[in-house]
Amino acid sequence: MAKAVGFTRESAARIADAVRTVEGMPIGPGGVGWYPYRADDGPRVLLGKTTAAWSKNNSATVDIYGGTPPTHTKTGTQAGVWNMFATSIASGKWVMIAQAENGNWYVISAEC
């Protein structure tokens, strides 16, 4: 039979200190960090290629690519991606897209 463990004010303080320590760790190498991301959410930054010429303040469909550089394979498409930055992005150019907190996708970098 397992031994009973008491939960005291001191125990609660130790647990709270441990949680604060973990939440304050840096994200990345050397720290686990705490942030609102779950692995099952999937990537929020994707590599893609434009399917047509794309002007500023318009949305487009982007072909999505995966794999190991420098070889990439088309894995799908993402519709409704917004170009808010570049005057024009030519067809067939590499782009990096990201999903913002508002749920919309935006181009964040484009091949010149």
PDB file of N, CA and C in Angstrom:
ATOM      1  N   MET A   1       0.839  -1.173   0.000  1.00  0.00           N
ATOM      2  CA  MET A   1       0.000   0.000   0.000  1.00  0.00           C
ATOM      3  C   MET A   1       0.886   1.239   0.000  1.00  0.00           C
ATOM      4  N   ALA A   2       0.527   2.231  -0.824  1.00  0.00           N
ATOM      5  CA  ALA A   2       1.313   3.454  -0.938  1.00  0.00           C
ATOM      6  C   ALA A   2       1.188   4.304   0.316  1.00  0.00           C
ATOM      7  N   LYS A   3       2.280   4.962   0.642  1.00  0.00           N
ATOM      8  CA  LYS A   3       2.312   5.848   1.798  1.00  0.00           C
ATOM      9  C   LYS A   3       1.591   7.154   1.460  1.00  0.00           C
ATOM     10  N   ALA A   4       0.773   7.639   2.337  1.00  0.00           N
ATOM     11  CA  ALA A   4       0.046   8.894   2.129  1.00  0.00           C
ATOM     12  C   ALA A   4       1.033  10.056   2.131  1.00  0.00           C
ATOM     13  N   VAL A   5       0.777  11.018   1.274  1.00  0.00           N
ATOM     14  CA  VAL A   5       1.621  12.203   1.174  1.00  0.00           C
ATOM     15  C   VAL A   5       0.778  13.413   1.571  1.00  0.00           C
ATOM     16  N   GLY A   6       1.301  14.221   2.459  1.00  0.00           N
ATOM     17  CA  GLY A   6       0.574  15.421   2.886  1.00  0.00           C
ATOM     18  C   GLY A   6       0.809  16.583   1.942  1.00  0.00           C
ATOM     19  N   PHE A   7      -0.186  17.398   1.795  1.00  0.00           N
ATOM     20  CA  PHE A   7      -0.095  18.598   0.960  1.00  0.00           C
ATOM     21  C   PHE A   7      -0.175  19.790   1.890  1.00  0.00           C
ATOM     22  N   THR A   8       0.946  20.462   2.049  1.00  0.00           N
ATOM     23  CA  THR A   8       1.022  21.564   3.004  1.00  0.00           C
ATOM     24  C   THR A   8       1.165  22.885   2.270  1.00  0.00           C
ATOM     25  N   ARG A   9       1.110  23.982   3.027  1.00  0.00           N
ATOM     26  CA  ARG A   9       1.335  25.318   2.463  1.00  0.00           C
ATOM     27  C   ARG A   9       2.727  25.377   1.826  1.00  0.00           C
ATOM     28  N   GLU A  10       3.713  24.756   2.480  1.00  0.00           N
ATOM     29  CA  GLU A  10       5.077  24.734   1.951  1.00  0.00           C
ATOM     30  C   GLU A  10       5.143  23.949   0.631  1.00  0.00           C
ATOM     31  N   SER A  11       4.408  22.845   0.563  1.00  0.00           N
ATOM     32  CA  SER A  11       4.352  22.060  -0.677  1.00  0.00           C
ATOM     33  C   SER A  11       3.767  22.898  -1.807  1.00  0.00           C
ATOM     34  N   ALA A  12       2.700  23.615  -1.526  1.00  0.00           N
ATOM     35  CA  ALA A  12       2.067  24.477  -2.531  1.00  0.00           C
ATOM     36  C   ALA A  12       3.032  25.557  -3.000  1.00  0.00           C
ATOM     37  N   ALA A  13       3.790  26.136  -2.088  1.00  0.00           N
ATOM     38  CA  ALA A  13       4.755  27.177  -2.446  1.00  0.00           C
ATOM     39  C   ALA A  13       5.858  26.597  -3.335  1.00  0.00           C
ATOM     40  N   ARG A  14       6.345  25.378  -3.022  1.00  0.00           N
ATOM     41  CA  ARG A  14       7.369  24.744  -3.840  1.00  0.00           C
ATOM     42  C   ARG A  14       6.851  24.461  -5.250  1.00  0.00           C
ATOM     43  N   ILE A  15       5.623  23.983  -5.347  1.00  0.00           N
ATOM     44  CA  ILE A  15       5.030  23.707  -6.664  1.00  0.00           C
ATOM     45  C   ILE A  15       4.897  25.003  -7.459  1.00  0.00           C
ATOM     46  N   ALA A  16       4.417  26.056  -6.824  1.00  0.00           N
ATOM     47  CA  ALA A  16       4.265  27.349  -7.504  1.00  0.00           C
ATOM     48  C   ALA A  16       5.617  27.871  -7.983  1.00  0.00           C
ATOM     49  N   ASP A  17       6.670  27.730  -7.163  1.00  0.00           N
ATOM     50  CA  ASP A  17       8.007  28.157  -7.573  1.00  0.00           C
ATOM     51  C   ASP A  17       8.499  27.367  -8.781  1.00  0.00           C
ATOM     52  N   ALA A  18       8.249  26.060  -8.784  1.00  0.00           N
ATOM     53  CA  ALA A  18       8.674  25.217  -9.904  1.00  0.00           C
ATOM     54  C   ALA A  18       7.959  25.626 -11.195  1.00  0.00           C
ATOM     55  N   VAL A  19       6.664  25.897 -11.115  1.00  0.00           N
ATOM     56  CA  VAL A  19       5.902  26.317 -12.294  1.00  0.00           C
ATOM     57  C   VAL A  19       6.434  27.645 -12.810  1.00  0.00           C
ATOM     58  N   ARG A  20       6.678  28.610 -11.928  1.00  0.00           N
ATOM     59  CA  ARG A  20       7.217  29.911 -12.359  1.00  0.00           C
ATOM     60  C   ARG A  20       8.578  29.745 -13.030  1.00  0.00           C
ATOM     61  N   THR A  21       9.408  28.839 -12.513  1.00  0.00           N
ATOM     62  CA  THR A  21      10.723  28.598 -13.109  1.00  0.00           C
ATOM     63  C   THR A  21      10.587  28.063 -14.530  1.00  0.00           C
ATOM     64  N   VAL A  22       9.742  27.062 -14.730  1.00  0.00           N
ATOM     65  CA  VAL A  22       9.555  26.476 -16.060  1.00  0.00           C
ATOM     66  C   VAL A  22       8.967  27.498 -17.016  1.00  0.00           C
ATOM     67  N   GLU A  23       7.972  28.255 -16.583  1.00  0.00           N
ATOM     68  CA  GLU A  23       7.350  29.248 -17.459  1.00  0.00           C
ATOM     69  C   GLU A  23       8.321  30.340 -17.852  1.00  0.00           C
ATOM     70  N   GLY A  24       9.341  30.587 -17.062  1.00  0.00           N
ATOM     71  CA  GLY A  24      10.311  31.630 -17.362  1.00  0.00           C
ATOM     72  C   GLY A  24      11.491  31.188 -18.184  1.00  0.00           C
ATOM     73  N   MET A  25      11.582  29.884 -18.514  1.00  0.00           N
ATOM     74  CA  MET A  25      12.711  29.381 -19.296  1.00  0.00           C
ATOM     75  C   MET A  25      12.635  29.887 -20.726  1.00  0.00           C
ATOM     76  N   PRO A  26      13.791  30.142 -21.351  1.00  0.00           N
ATOM     77  CA  PRO A  26      13.785  30.576 -22.746  1.00  0.00           C
ATOM     78  C   PRO A  26      13.331  29.454 -23.663  1.00  0.00           C
ATOM     79  N   ILE A  27      12.735  29.835 -24.781  1.00  0.00           N
ATOM     80  CA  ILE A  27      12.315  28.871 -25.782  1.00  0.00           C
ATOM     81  C   ILE A  27      13.515  28.573 -26.670  1.00  0.00           C
ATOM     82  N   GLY A  28      13.735  27.333 -26.983  1.00  0.00           N
ATOM     83  CA  GLY A  28      14.823  26.963 -27.866  1.00  0.00           C
ATOM     84  C   GLY A  28      15.867  26.138 -27.151  1.00  0.00           C
ATOM     85  N   PRO A  29      17.070  26.046 -27.752  1.00  0.00           N
ATOM     86  CA  PRO A  29      18.120  25.210 -27.171  1.00  0.00           C
ATOM     87  C   PRO A  29      18.411  25.614 -25.724  1.00  0.00           C
ATOM     88  N   GLY A  30      18.443  24.632 -24.852  1.00  0.00           N
ATOM     89  CA  GLY A  30      18.770  24.900 -23.459  1.00  0.00           C
ATOM     90  C   GLY A  30      17.570  25.201 -22.587  1.00  0.00           C
ATOM     91  N   GLY A  31      16.397  25.373 -23.142  1.00  0.00           N
ATOM     92  CA  GLY A  31      15.222  25.675 -22.339  1.00  0.00           C
ATOM     93  C   GLY A  31      13.967  25.179 -23.011  1.00  0.00           C
ATOM     94  N   VAL A  32      13.005  24.765 -22.226  1.00  0.00           N
ATOM     95  CA  VAL A  32      11.775  24.262 -22.811  1.00  0.00           C
ATOM     96  C   VAL A  32      10.776  25.375 -23.063  1.00  0.00           C
ATOM     97  N   GLY A  33      10.784  26.382 -22.192  1.00  0.00           N
ATOM     98  CA  GLY A  33       9.870  27.501 -22.365  1.00  0.00           C
ATOM     99  C   GLY A  33       8.415  27.121 -22.218  1.00  0.00           C
ATOM    100  N   TRP A  34       7.600  28.102 -22.149  1.00  0.00           N
ATOM    101  CA  TRP A  34       6.163  27.907 -22.054  1.00  0.00           C
ATOM    102  C   TRP A  34       5.507  28.881 -23.021  1.00  0.00           C
ATOM    103  N   TYR A  35       4.751  28.373 -23.951  1.00  0.00           N
ATOM    104  CA  TYR A  35       4.041  29.233 -24.869  1.00  0.00           C
ATOM    105  C   TYR A  35       2.849  28.472 -25.403  1.00  0.00           C
ATOM    106  N   PRO A  36       1.842  29.168 -25.906  1.00  0.00           N
ATOM    107  CA  PRO A  36       0.597  28.497 -26.315  1.00  0.00           C
ATOM    108  C   PRO A  36       0.691  27.802 -27.666  1.00  0.00           C
ATOM    109  N   TYR A  37       1.507  26.747 -27.731  1.00  0.00           N
ATOM    110  CA  TYR A  37       1.650  25.962 -28.951  1.00  0.00           C
ATOM    111  C   TYR A  37       1.540  24.494 -28.589  1.00  0.00           C
ATOM    112  N   ARG A  38       0.775  23.782 -29.369  1.00  0.00           N
ATOM    113  CA  ARG A  38       0.675  22.340 -29.195  1.00  0.00           C
ATOM    114  C   ARG A  38       1.154  21.690 -30.488  1.00  0.00           C
ATOM    115  N   ALA A  39       1.918  20.631 -30.368  1.00  0.00           N
ATOM    116  CA  ALA A  39       2.485  19.980 -31.552  1.00  0.00           C
ATOM    117  C   ALA A  39       1.413  19.590 -32.556  1.00  0.00           C
ATOM    118  N   ASP A  40       0.209  19.264 -32.109  1.00  0.00           N
ATOM    119  CA  ASP A  40      -0.834  18.852 -33.038  1.00  0.00           C
ATOM    120  C   ASP A  40      -1.464  20.025 -33.786  1.00  0.00           C
ATOM    121  N   ASP A  41      -1.053  21.262 -33.474  1.00  0.00           N
ATOM    122  CA  ASP A  41      -1.549  22.424 -34.211  1.00  0.00           C
ATOM    123  C   ASP A  41      -0.992  22.452 -35.633  1.00  0.00           C
ATOM    124  N   GLY A  42       0.140  21.806 -35.855  1.00  0.00           N
ATOM    125  CA  GLY A  42       0.767  21.814 -37.162  1.00  0.00           C
ATOM    126  C   GLY A  42       1.594  23.075 -37.359  1.00  0.00           C
ATOM    127  N   PRO A  43       2.371  23.120 -38.426  1.00  0.00           N
ATOM    128  CA  PRO A  43       3.239  24.272 -38.660  1.00  0.00           C
ATOM    129  C   PRO A  43       2.438  25.522 -38.974  1.00  0.00           C
ATOM    130  N   ARG A  44       2.934  26.636 -38.548  1.00  0.00           N
ATOM    131  CA  ARG A  44       2.293  27.923 -38.824  1.00  0.00           C
ATOM    132  C   ARG A  44       3.121  28.765 -39.781  1.00  0.00           C
ATOM    133  N   VAL A  45       4.275  28.246 -40.207  1.00  0.00           N
ATOM    134  CA  VAL A  45       5.099  28.880 -41.232  1.00  0.00           C
ATOM    135  C   VAL A  45       5.365  27.806 -42.267  1.00  0.00           C
ATOM    136  N   LEU A  46       5.036  28.094 -43.521  1.00  0.00           N
ATOM    137  CA  LEU A  46       5.137  27.100 -44.581  1.00  0.00           C
ATOM    138  C   LEU A  46       5.913  27.644 -45.773  1.00  0.00           C
ATOM    139  N   LEU A  47       6.632  26.758 -46.445  1.00  0.00           N
ATOM    140  CA  LEU A  47       7.344  27.076 -47.673  1.00  0.00           C
ATOM    141  C   LEU A  47       6.414  26.816 -48.849  1.00  0.00           C
ATOM    142  N   GLY A  48       6.375  27.748 -49.791  1.00  0.00           N
ATOM    143  CA  GLY A  48       5.499  27.557 -50.938  1.00  0.00           C
ATOM    144  C   GLY A  48       6.033  28.202 -52.196  1.00  0.00           C
ATOM    145  N   LYS A  49       5.267  28.039 -53.272  1.00  0.00           N
ATOM    146  CA  LYS A  49       5.562  28.679 -54.554  1.00  0.00           C
ATOM    147  C   LYS A  49       4.278  29.311 -55.063  1.00  0.00           C
ATOM    148  N   THR A  50       4.432  30.477 -55.656  1.00  0.00           N
ATOM    149  CA  THR A  50       3.278  31.156 -56.234  1.00  0.00           C
ATOM    150  C   THR A  50       2.787  30.396 -57.454  1.00  0.00           C
ATOM    151  N   THR A  51       1.486  30.475 -57.703  1.00  0.00           N
ATOM    152  CA  THR A  51       0.898  29.791 -58.856  1.00  0.00           C
ATOM    153  C   THR A  51       0.553  30.757 -59.978  1.00  0.00           C
ATOM    154  N   ALA A  52       0.657  32.045 -59.694  1.00  0.00           N
ATOM    155  CA  ALA A  52       0.368  33.098 -60.680  1.00  0.00           C
ATOM    156  C   ALA A  52       1.002  34.391 -60.175  1.00  0.00           C
ATOM    157  N   ALA A  53       1.090  35.393 -61.050  1.00  0.00           N
ATOM    158  CA  ALA A  53       1.573  36.702 -60.616  1.00  0.00           C
ATOM    159  C   ALA A  53       0.651  37.203 -59.507  1.00  0.00           C
ATOM    160  N   TRP A  54       1.236  37.870 -58.509  1.00  0.00           N
ATOM    161  CA  TRP A  54       0.499  38.200 -57.286  1.00  0.00           C
ATOM    162  C   TRP A  54       0.792  39.631 -56.882  1.00  0.00           C
ATOM    163  N   SER A  55      -0.200  40.498 -56.945  1.00  0.00           N
ATOM    164  CA  SER A  55       0.006  41.903 -56.615  1.00  0.00           C
ATOM    165  C   SER A  55      -0.385  42.194 -55.171  1.00  0.00           C
ATOM    166  N   LYS A  56       0.150  43.306 -54.682  1.00  0.00           N
ATOM    167  CA  LYS A  56      -0.070  43.734 -53.300  1.00  0.00           C
ATOM    168  C   LYS A  56      -1.560  43.921 -53.006  1.00  0.00           C
ATOM    169  N   ASN A  57      -1.939  43.626 -51.754  1.00  0.00           N
ATOM    170  CA  ASN A  57      -3.316  43.761 -51.253  1.00  0.00           C
ATOM    171  C   ASN A  57      -4.293  42.782 -51.901  1.00  0.00           C
ATOM    172  N   ASN A  58      -3.777  41.661 -52.378  1.00  0.00           N
ATOM    173  CA  ASN A  58      -4.624  40.623 -52.960  1.00  0.00           C
ATOM    174  C   ASN A  58      -4.271  39.275 -52.347  1.00  0.00           C
ATOM    175  N   SER A  59      -5.237  38.364 -52.374  1.00  0.00           N
ATOM    176  CA  SER A  59      -4.986  37.009 -51.890  1.00  0.00           C
ATOM    177  C   SER A  59      -4.758  36.092 -53.079  1.00  0.00           C
ATOM    178  N   ALA A  60      -4.101  34.979 -52.807  1.00  0.00           N
ATOM    179  CA  ALA A  60      -3.787  34.014 -53.860  1.00  0.00           C
ATOM    180  C   ALA A  60      -3.702  32.621 -53.255  1.00  0.00           C
ATOM    181  N   THR A  61      -3.636  31.627 -54.122  1.00  0.00           N
ATOM    182  CA  THR A  61      -3.394  30.251 -53.716  1.00  0.00           C
ATOM    183  C   THR A  61      -1.915  29.967 -53.903  1.00  0.00           C
ATOM    184  N   VAL A  62      -1.307  29.343 -52.899  1.00  0.00           N
ATOM    185  CA  VAL A  62       0.120  29.033 -52.920  1.00  0.00           C
ATOM    186  C   VAL A  62       0.285  27.517 -52.863  1.00  0.00           C
ATOM    187  N   ASP A  63       1.150  26.968 -53.738  1.00  0.00           N
ATOM    188  CA  ASP A  63       1.512  25.554 -53.651  1.00  0.00           C
ATOM    189  C   ASP A  63       2.463  25.378 -52.470  1.00  0.00           C
ATOM    190  N   ILE A  64       2.192  24.405 -51.594  1.00  0.00           N
ATOM    191  CA  ILE A  64       2.999  24.164 -50.397  1.00  0.00           C
ATOM    192  C   ILE A  64       3.989  23.037 -50.674  1.00  0.00           C
ATOM    193  N   TYR A  65       5.229  23.223 -50.184  1.00  0.00           N
ATOM    194  CA  TYR A  65       6.299  22.252 -50.401  1.00  0.00           C
ATOM    195  C   TYR A  65       6.885  21.791 -49.072  1.00  0.00           C
ATOM    196  N   GLY A  66       7.290  20.523 -49.035  1.00  0.00           N
ATOM    197  CA  GLY A  66       7.952  19.953 -47.867  1.00  0.00           C
ATOM    198  C   GLY A  66       9.151  19.160 -48.309  1.00  0.00           C
ATOM    199  N   GLY A  67       9.868  18.592 -47.360  1.00  0.00           N
ATOM    200  CA  GLY A  67      11.037  17.787 -47.679  1.00  0.00           C
ATOM    201  C   GLY A  67      12.300  18.404 -47.128  1.00  0.00           C
ATOM    202  N   THR A  68      13.421  17.840 -47.559  1.00  0.00           N
ATOM    203  CA  THR A  68      14.722  18.274 -47.077  1.00  0.00           C
ATOM    204  C   THR A  68      15.419  19.092 -48.150  1.00  0.00           C
ATOM    205  N   PRO A  69      15.910  20.293 -47.804  1.00  0.00           N
ATOM    206  CA  PRO A  69      16.614  21.120 -48.784  1.00  0.00           C
ATOM    207  C   PRO A  69      17.821  20.372 -49.343  1.00  0.00           C
ATOM    208  N   PRO A  70      18.171  20.562 -50.582  1.00  0.00           N
ATOM    209  CA  PRO A  70      17.540  21.472 -51.529  1.00  0.00           C
ATOM    210  C   PRO A  70      16.418  20.831 -52.337  1.00  0.00           C
ATOM    211  N   THR A  71      16.068  19.587 -52.018  1.00  0.00           N
ATOM    212  CA  THR A  71      15.001  18.896 -52.739  1.00  0.00           C
ATOM    213  C   THR A  71      13.695  19.070 -51.987  1.00  0.00           C
ATOM    214  N   HIS A  72      12.710  19.648 -52.637  1.00  0.00           N
ATOM    215  CA  HIS A  72      11.395  19.827 -52.021  1.00  0.00           C
ATOM    216  C   HIS A  72      10.337  19.208 -52.919  1.00  0.00           C
ATOM    217  N   THR A  73       9.278  18.737 -52.302  1.00  0.00           N
ATOM    218  CA  THR A  73       8.188  18.098 -53.015  1.00  0.00           C
ATOM    219  C   THR A  73       6.895  18.820 -52.691  1.00  0.00           C
ATOM    220  N   LYS A  74       6.066  19.039 -53.701  1.00  0.00           N
ATOM    221  CA  LYS A  74       4.769  19.667 -53.475  1.00  0.00           C
ATOM    222  C   LYS A  74       3.921  18.742 -52.597  1.00  0.00           C
ATOM    223  N   THR A  75       3.364  19.306 -51.522  1.00  0.00           N
ATOM    224  CA  THR A  75       2.563  18.514 -50.583  1.00  0.00           C
ATOM    225  C   THR A  75       1.109  18.962 -50.513  1.00  0.00           C
ATOM    226  N   GLY A  76       0.774  20.089 -51.145  1.00  0.00           N
ATOM    227  CA  GLY A  76      -0.598  20.573 -51.092  1.00  0.00           C
ATOM    228  C   GLY A  76      -0.679  22.021 -51.528  1.00  0.00           C
ATOM    229  N   THR A  77      -1.788  22.658 -51.186  1.00  0.00           N
ATOM    230  CA  THR A  77      -1.982  24.067 -51.507  1.00  0.00           C
ATOM    231  C   THR A  77      -2.574  24.785 -50.303  1.00  0.00           C
ATOM    232  N   GLN A  78      -2.389  26.088 -50.268  1.00  0.00           N
ATOM    233  CA  GLN A  78      -3.022  26.927 -49.257  1.00  0.00           C
ATOM    234  C   GLN A  78      -3.694  28.083 -49.991  1.00  0.00           C
ATOM    235  N   ALA A  79      -5.015  28.130 -49.909  1.00  0.00           N
ATOM    236  CA  ALA A  79      -5.771  29.209 -50.549  1.00  0.00           C
ATOM    237  C   ALA A  79      -5.913  30.381 -49.582  1.00  0.00           C
ATOM    238  N   GLY A  80      -6.182  31.548 -50.131  1.00  0.00           N
ATOM    239  CA  GLY A  80      -6.483  32.720 -49.312  1.00  0.00           C
ATOM    240  C   GLY A  80      -5.287  33.308 -48.597  1.00  0.00           C
ATOM    241  N   VAL A  81      -4.104  33.253 -49.216  1.00  0.00           N
ATOM    242  CA  VAL A  81      -2.909  33.845 -48.625  1.00  0.00           C
ATOM    243  C   VAL A  81      -2.816  35.295 -49.107  1.00  0.00           C
ATOM    244  N   TRP A  82      -2.591  36.211 -48.172  1.00  0.00           N
ATOM    245  CA  TRP A  82      -2.573  37.639 -48.486  1.00  0.00           C
ATOM    246  C   TRP A  82      -1.166  38.177 -48.673  1.00  0.00           C
ATOM    247  N   ASN A  83      -0.986  38.999 -49.718  1.00  0.00           N
ATOM    248  CA  ASN A  83       0.257  39.729 -49.974  1.00  0.00           C
ATOM    249  C   ASN A  83       0.023  41.171 -49.536  1.00  0.00           C
ATOM    250  N   MET A  84       0.577  41.555 -48.407  1.00  0.00           N
ATOM    251  CA  MET A  84       0.405  42.912 -47.893  1.00  0.00           C
ATOM    252  C   MET A  84       1.676  43.745 -48.045  1.00  0.00           C
ATOM    253  N   PHE A  85       2.758  43.175 -48.627  1.00  0.00           N
ATOM    254  CA  PHE A  85       4.053  43.835 -48.615  1.00  0.00           C
ATOM    255  C   PHE A  85       4.640  44.132 -49.987  1.00  0.00           C
ATOM    256  N   ALA A  86       4.705  43.110 -50.849  1.00  0.00           N
ATOM    257  CA  ALA A  86       5.408  43.254 -52.131  1.00  0.00           C
ATOM    258  C   ALA A  86       4.491  43.830 -53.202  1.00  0.00           C
ATOM    259  N   THR A  87       5.010  44.771 -53.987  1.00  0.00           N
ATOM    260  CA  THR A  87       4.234  45.359 -55.073  1.00  0.00           C
ATOM    261  C   THR A  87       3.748  44.279 -56.023  1.00  0.00           C
ATOM    262  N   SER A  88       4.642  43.346 -56.356  1.00  0.00           N
ATOM    263  CA  SER A  88       4.280  42.238 -57.221  1.00  0.00           C
ATOM    264  C   SER A  88       5.231  41.070 -56.981  1.00  0.00           C
ATOM    265  N   ILE A  89       4.690  39.866 -56.941  1.00  0.00           N
ATOM    266  CA  ILE A  89       5.489  38.650 -56.837  1.00  0.00           C
ATOM    267  C   ILE A  89       5.165  37.824 -58.087  1.00  0.00           C
ATOM    268  N   ALA A  90       6.196  37.476 -58.840  1.00  0.00           N
ATOM    269  CA  ALA A  90       5.994  36.752 -60.100  1.00  0.00           C
ATOM    270  C   ALA A  90       5.522  35.320 -59.844  1.00  0.00           C
ATOM    271  N   SER A  91       4.954  34.727 -60.876  1.00  0.00           N
ATOM    272  CA  SER A  91       4.512  33.331 -60.818  1.00  0.00           C
ATOM    273  C   SER A  91       5.712  32.401 -60.693  1.00  0.00           C
ATOM    274  N   GLY A  92       5.561  31.302 -59.938  1.00  0.00           N
ATOM    275  CA  GLY A  92       6.610  30.302 -59.806  1.00  0.00           C
ATOM    276  C   GLY A  92       7.728  30.686 -58.857  1.00  0.00           C
ATOM    277  N   LYS A  93       7.532  31.689 -58.012  1.00  0.00           N
ATOM    278  CA  LYS A  93       8.562  32.138 -57.067  1.00  0.00           C
ATOM    279  C   LYS A  93       8.353  31.519 -55.694  1.00  0.00           C
ATOM    280  N   TRP A  94       9.486  31.228 -55.004  1.00  0.00           N
ATOM    281  CA  TRP A  94       9.418  30.705 -53.644  1.00  0.00           C
ATOM    282  C   TRP A  94       8.918  31.794 -52.699  1.00  0.00           C
ATOM    283  N   VAL A  95       8.054  31.403 -51.771  1.00  0.00           N
ATOM    284  CA  VAL A  95       7.564  32.306 -50.732  1.00  0.00           C
ATOM    285  C   VAL A  95       7.528  31.557 -49.398  1.00  0.00           C
ATOM    286  N   MET A  96       7.614  32.306 -48.342  1.00  0.00           N
ATOM    287  CA  MET A  96       7.391  31.760 -47.003  1.00  0.00           C
ATOM    288  C   MET A  96       6.110  32.422 -46.514  1.00  0.00           C
ATOM    289  N   ILE A  97       5.163  31.620 -46.023  1.00  0.00           N
ATOM    290  CA  ILE A  97       3.894  32.158 -45.557  1.00  0.00           C
ATOM    291  C   ILE A  97       3.698  31.778 -44.089  1.00  0.00           C
ATOM    292  N   ALA A  98       2.928  32.583 -43.389  1.00  0.00           N
ATOM    293  CA  ALA A  98       2.670  32.329 -41.973  1.00  0.00           C
ATOM    294  C   ALA A  98       1.225  32.638 -41.656  1.00  0.00           C
ATOM    295  N   GLN A  99       0.696  31.924 -40.676  1.00  0.00           N
ATOM    296  CA  GLN A  99      -0.673  32.170 -40.226  1.00  0.00           C
ATOM    297  C   GLN A  99      -0.618  33.060 -38.995  1.00  0.00           C
ATOM    298  N   ALA A 100      -1.328  34.178 -39.062  1.00  0.00           N
ATOM    299  CA  ALA A 100      -1.374  35.128 -37.954  1.00  0.00           C
ATOM    300  C   ALA A 100      -2.426  34.706 -36.932  1.00  0.00           C
ATOM    301  N   GLU A 101      -2.415  35.373 -35.785  1.00  0.00           N
ATOM    302  CA  GLU A 101      -3.382  35.065 -34.731  1.00  0.00           C
ATOM    303  C   GLU A 101      -4.819  35.244 -35.184  1.00  0.00           C
ATOM    304  N   ASN A 102      -5.039  36.117 -36.179  1.00  0.00           N
ATOM    305  CA  ASN A 102      -6.407  36.336 -36.664  1.00  0.00           C
ATOM    306  C   ASN A 102      -6.891  35.200 -37.563  1.00  0.00           C
ATOM    307  N   GLY A 103      -6.020  34.201 -37.786  1.00  0.00           N
ATOM    308  CA  GLY A 103      -6.391  33.044 -38.588  1.00  0.00           C
ATOM    309  C   GLY A 103      -6.069  33.182 -40.066  1.00  0.00           C
ATOM    310  N   ASN A 104      -5.723  34.388 -40.520  1.00  0.00           N
ATOM    311  CA  ASN A 104      -5.405  34.608 -41.931  1.00  0.00           C
ATOM    312  C   ASN A 104      -3.952  34.260 -42.218  1.00  0.00           C
ATOM    313  N   TRP A 105      -3.715  33.846 -43.470  1.00  0.00           N
ATOM    314  CA  TRP A 105      -2.366  33.533 -43.940  1.00  0.00           C
ATOM    315  C   TRP A 105      -1.812  34.738 -44.688  1.00  0.00           C
ATOM    316  N   TYR A 106      -0.504  35.026 -44.496  1.00  0.00           N
ATOM    317  CA  TYR A 106       0.167  36.148 -45.128  1.00  0.00           C
ATOM    318  C   TYR A 106       1.526  35.705 -45.669  1.00  0.00           C
ATOM    319  N   VAL A 107       1.948  36.299 -46.804  1.00  0.00           N
ATOM    320  CA  VAL A 107       3.301  36.078 -47.294  1.00  0.00           C
ATOM    321  C   VAL A 107       4.225  36.918 -46.409  1.00  0.00           C
ATOM    322  N   ILE A 108       5.296  36.296 -45.893  1.00  0.00           N
ATOM    323  CA  ILE A 108       6.229  37.026 -45.039  1.00  0.00           C
ATOM    324  C   ILE A 108       7.602  37.164 -45.688  1.00  0.00           C
ATOM    325  N   SER A 109       7.842  36.443 -46.784  1.00  0.00           N
ATOM    326  CA  SER A 109       9.069  36.563 -47.529  1.00  0.00           C
ATOM    327  C   SER A 109       8.823  36.033 -48.933  1.00  0.00           C
ATOM    328  N   ALA A 110       9.510  36.632 -49.905  1.00  0.00           N
ATOM    329  CA  ALA A 110       9.322  36.200 -51.289  1.00  0.00           C
ATOM    330  C   ALA A 110      10.644  36.245 -52.048  1.00  0.00           C
ATOM    331  N   GLU A 111      10.814  35.281 -52.961  1.00  0.00           N
ATOM    332  CA  GLU A 111      11.983  35.240 -53.835  1.00  0.00           C
ATOM    333  C   GLU A 111      11.926  36.443 -54.764  1.00  0.00           C
ATOM    334  N   CYS A 112      13.068  37.104 -54.900  1.00  0.00           N
ATOM    335  CA  CYS A 112      13.137  38.291 -55.786  1.00  0.00           C
ATOM    336  C   CYS A 112      13.253  37.886 -57.231  1.00  0.00           C
TER     337      CYS A 112
END
